[in-house]
């Protein structure tokens, strides 16, 4: 488990990595995970970076996920690779084969025109356009903490914070 101090550190780490991925105010960050600690780091890290967190349901079918990714216009998708019988990386590869042969951060897809970064919260290394959690978090190592704090200070109560998609 994490303490609140641990969570704050993880949130800042994710925010820094998102800033390194050129996420800014109003950018959208998809979070496709079950109820796990990394969900909170990703969700609050997006807000700290000035982005809009878009939690996506792990119950989504491949067709539903395609629509969610298109309509949400996320530029970063943080996901849990395997949930029950689903492998979300395999599903994404079926929807967009270029994910398997593109370097992280370089995805250019007509199917998902805003999506550039895909990140697995799992411990396994990434491949193609999919980054592993450690690799993603390392992106933020060169981002000054003062920049993260300055971005967080610019987020106001009037800014959109979350984009939810529901079934009803």
Protein backbone atom coordinates (compact mmCIF):
# COMPACT_ATOMS: atom_id res chain seq x y z
CA UNK A 1 0.00 0.00 0.00
CA UNK A 2 0.87 3.64 -0.24
CA UNK A 3 0.74 6.41 2.32
CA UNK A 4 -0.63 9.81 1.33
CA UNK A 5 2.97 11.01 1.01
CA UNK A 6 3.68 8.07 -1.31
CA UNK A 7 0.62 8.97 -3.39
CA UNK A 8 1.73 12.60 -3.65
CA UNK A 9 5.15 11.49 -4.86
CA UNK A 10 3.63 9.13 -7.44
CA UNK A 11 1.21 11.84 -8.64
CA UNK A 12 4.10 14.26 -9.14
CA UNK A 13 6.11 11.56 -10.91
CA UNK A 14 3.25 10.85 -13.34
CA UNK A 15 2.61 14.57 -13.83
CA UNK A 16 6.28 15.08 -14.74
CA UNK A 17 6.18 12.18 -17.20
CA UNK A 18 3.02 13.60 -18.78
CA UNK A 19 4.65 17.03 -19.12
CA UNK A 20 7.60 15.30 -20.82
CA UNK A 21 5.01 13.78 -23.21
CA UNK A 22 3.89 17.34 -24.06
CA UNK A 23 0.63 17.06 -22.15
CA UNK A 24 -0.67 20.50 -21.27
CA UNK A 25 -3.74 22.29 -20.05
CA UNK A 26 -6.77 20.78 -21.72
CA UNK A 27 -4.96 17.68 -23.03
CA UNK A 28 -6.80 14.44 -22.36
CA UNK A 29 -5.29 11.43 -20.61
CA UNK A 30 -7.13 8.10 -20.77
CA UNK A 31 -6.94 5.81 -17.75
CA UNK A 32 -7.96 2.21 -18.50
CA UNK A 33 -7.28 0.27 -15.31
CA UNK A 34 -9.07 -1.60 -12.58
CA UNK A 35 -9.19 -0.26 -9.03
CA UNK A 36 -5.49 -0.22 -8.30
CA UNK A 37 -3.05 2.30 -6.84
CA UNK A 38 -1.70 3.36 -10.24
CA UNK A 39 -5.20 4.52 -11.20
CA UNK A 40 -4.96 7.26 -8.59
CA UNK A 41 -1.43 8.23 -9.62
CA UNK A 42 -2.56 8.51 -13.26
CA UNK A 43 -5.87 10.25 -12.52
CA UNK A 44 -4.45 12.87 -10.16
CA UNK A 45 -1.20 13.11 -12.11
CA UNK A 46 -3.20 14.15 -15.18
CA UNK A 47 -4.92 16.89 -13.21
CA UNK A 48 -1.67 18.07 -11.67
CA UNK A 49 -0.19 18.42 -15.18
CA UNK A 50 -3.25 20.48 -16.20
CA UNK A 51 -4.83 17.71 -18.27
CA UNK A 52 -8.31 16.23 -18.26
CA UNK A 53 -8.43 12.69 -16.88
CA UNK A 54 -10.65 10.32 -18.90
CA UNK A 55 -11.34 7.12 -16.94
CA UNK A 56 -12.34 4.36 -19.38
CA UNK A 57 -14.17 1.17 -18.46
CA UNK A 58 -12.29 -2.11 -18.48
CA UNK A 59 -15.64 -3.71 -19.34
CA UNK A 60 -15.52 -2.05 -22.78
CA UNK A 61 -15.64 -4.31 -25.81
CA UNK A 62 -13.09 -3.71 -28.57
CA UNK A 63 -15.72 -1.82 -30.61
CA UNK A 64 -16.65 0.31 -27.59
CA UNK A 65 -13.00 1.01 -26.80
CA UNK A 66 -12.44 2.18 -30.35
CA UNK A 67 -15.30 4.67 -30.03
CA UNK A 68 -14.14 5.81 -26.58
CA UNK A 69 -10.60 6.48 -27.83
CA UNK A 70 -11.91 8.37 -30.84
CA UNK A 71 -14.48 10.47 -28.98
CA UNK A 72 -12.33 11.18 -25.93
CA UNK A 73 -9.42 12.38 -28.12
CA UNK A 74 -6.87 11.23 -25.53
CA UNK A 75 -3.25 11.93 -26.38
CA UNK A 76 -1.97 9.55 -23.70
CA UNK A 77 -3.56 6.23 -22.73
CA UNK A 78 -2.45 4.68 -19.44
CA UNK A 79 -3.69 1.11 -19.22
CA UNK A 80 -3.55 -2.15 -17.34
CA UNK A 81 -2.60 -4.72 -19.93
CA UNK A 82 -4.56 -7.74 -18.72
CA UNK A 83 -7.94 -7.63 -17.00
CA UNK A 84 -9.67 -10.99 -16.58
CA UNK A 85 -9.68 -12.52 -20.07
CA UNK A 86 -8.90 -9.26 -21.90
CA UNK A 87 -5.50 -8.17 -23.12
CA UNK A 88 -5.88 -4.48 -23.89
CA UNK A 89 -2.57 -4.26 -25.75
CA UNK A 90 -3.69 -7.07 -28.08
CA UNK A 91 -7.05 -5.31 -28.54
CA UNK A 92 -5.28 -2.05 -29.40
CA UNK A 93 -3.00 -3.88 -31.86
CA UNK A 94 -6.08 -5.33 -33.58
CA UNK A 95 -7.63 -1.86 -33.78
CA UNK A 96 -4.41 -0.15 -34.91
CA UNK A 97 -1.60 -2.46 -36.11
CA UNK A 98 0.88 0.45 -36.32
CA UNK A 99 1.09 0.36 -32.51
CA UNK A 100 3.28 -2.75 -32.81
CA UNK A 101 5.85 -1.14 -35.10
CA UNK A 102 5.97 2.47 -33.92
CA UNK A 103 8.33 3.88 -31.28
CA UNK A 104 6.84 5.23 -28.04
CA UNK A 105 5.51 8.75 -28.47
CA UNK A 106 5.58 8.51 -32.26
CA UNK A 107 2.18 6.97 -32.99
CA UNK A 108 0.49 8.66 -35.95
CA UNK A 109 -2.86 7.03 -36.57
CA UNK A 110 -5.79 8.10 -38.72
CA UNK A 111 -8.03 5.87 -36.58
CA UNK A 112 -6.88 7.56 -33.34
CA UNK A 113 -5.53 10.91 -34.57
CA UNK A 114 -4.80 12.40 -31.14
CA UNK A 115 -3.26 9.33 -29.49
CA UNK A 116 0.54 9.53 -29.28
CA UNK A 117 1.52 7.68 -26.09
CA UNK A 118 0.38 4.32 -24.70
CA UNK A 119 1.61 3.27 -21.27
CA UNK A 120 1.18 -0.02 -19.37
CA UNK A 121 1.07 0.21 -15.58
CA UNK A 122 2.20 -3.41 -15.44
CA UNK A 123 5.76 -4.38 -14.54
CA UNK A 124 6.56 -5.82 -17.95
CA UNK A 125 8.60 -3.83 -20.48
CA UNK A 126 6.84 -2.15 -23.36
CA UNK A 127 7.20 -2.82 -27.07
CA UNK A 128 6.36 -0.88 -30.20
CA UNK A 129 4.44 2.27 -29.26
CA UNK A 130 3.60 0.83 -25.82
CA UNK A 131 5.84 1.97 -22.96
CA UNK A 132 6.33 0.13 -19.73
CA UNK A 133 5.49 1.93 -16.48
CA UNK A 134 9.13 2.40 -15.45
CA UNK A 135 10.10 3.72 -18.89
CA UNK A 136 7.18 6.17 -18.85
CA UNK A 137 7.95 7.44 -15.34
CA UNK A 138 11.62 7.90 -16.28
CA UNK A 139 10.54 10.41 -18.95
CA UNK A 140 9.79 12.91 -16.21
CA UNK A 141 13.22 12.76 -14.57
CA UNK A 142 14.37 15.94 -16.33
CA UNK A 143 11.21 17.93 -15.59
CA UNK A 144 11.74 20.41 -12.75
CA UNK A 145 9.46 20.01 -9.73
CA UNK A 146 8.90 23.78 -9.85
CA UNK A 147 7.36 23.40 -13.31
CA UNK A 148 4.94 20.75 -12.02
CA UNK A 149 3.99 23.01 -9.11
CA UNK A 150 3.54 25.99 -11.46
CA UNK A 151 1.26 23.96 -13.71
CA UNK A 152 -0.78 22.72 -10.75
CA UNK A 153 -1.14 26.33 -9.57
CA UNK A 154 -2.64 27.28 -12.93
CA UNK A 155 -5.45 24.71 -12.67
CA UNK A 156 -8.61 26.49 -11.52
CA UNK A 157 -12.01 25.25 -10.32
CA UNK A 158 -13.47 26.40 -13.66
CA UNK A 159 -11.18 24.10 -15.67
CA UNK A 160 -12.52 20.73 -16.85
CA UNK A 161 -10.98 18.01 -14.71
CA UNK A 162 -12.58 14.77 -15.79
CA UNK A 163 -14.38 13.45 -18.85
CA UNK A 164 -16.60 10.50 -17.97
CA UNK A 165 -18.27 8.14 -20.40
CA UNK A 166 -21.15 6.12 -19.00
CA UNK A 167 -23.59 3.53 -20.25
CA UNK A 168 -26.65 5.43 -19.17
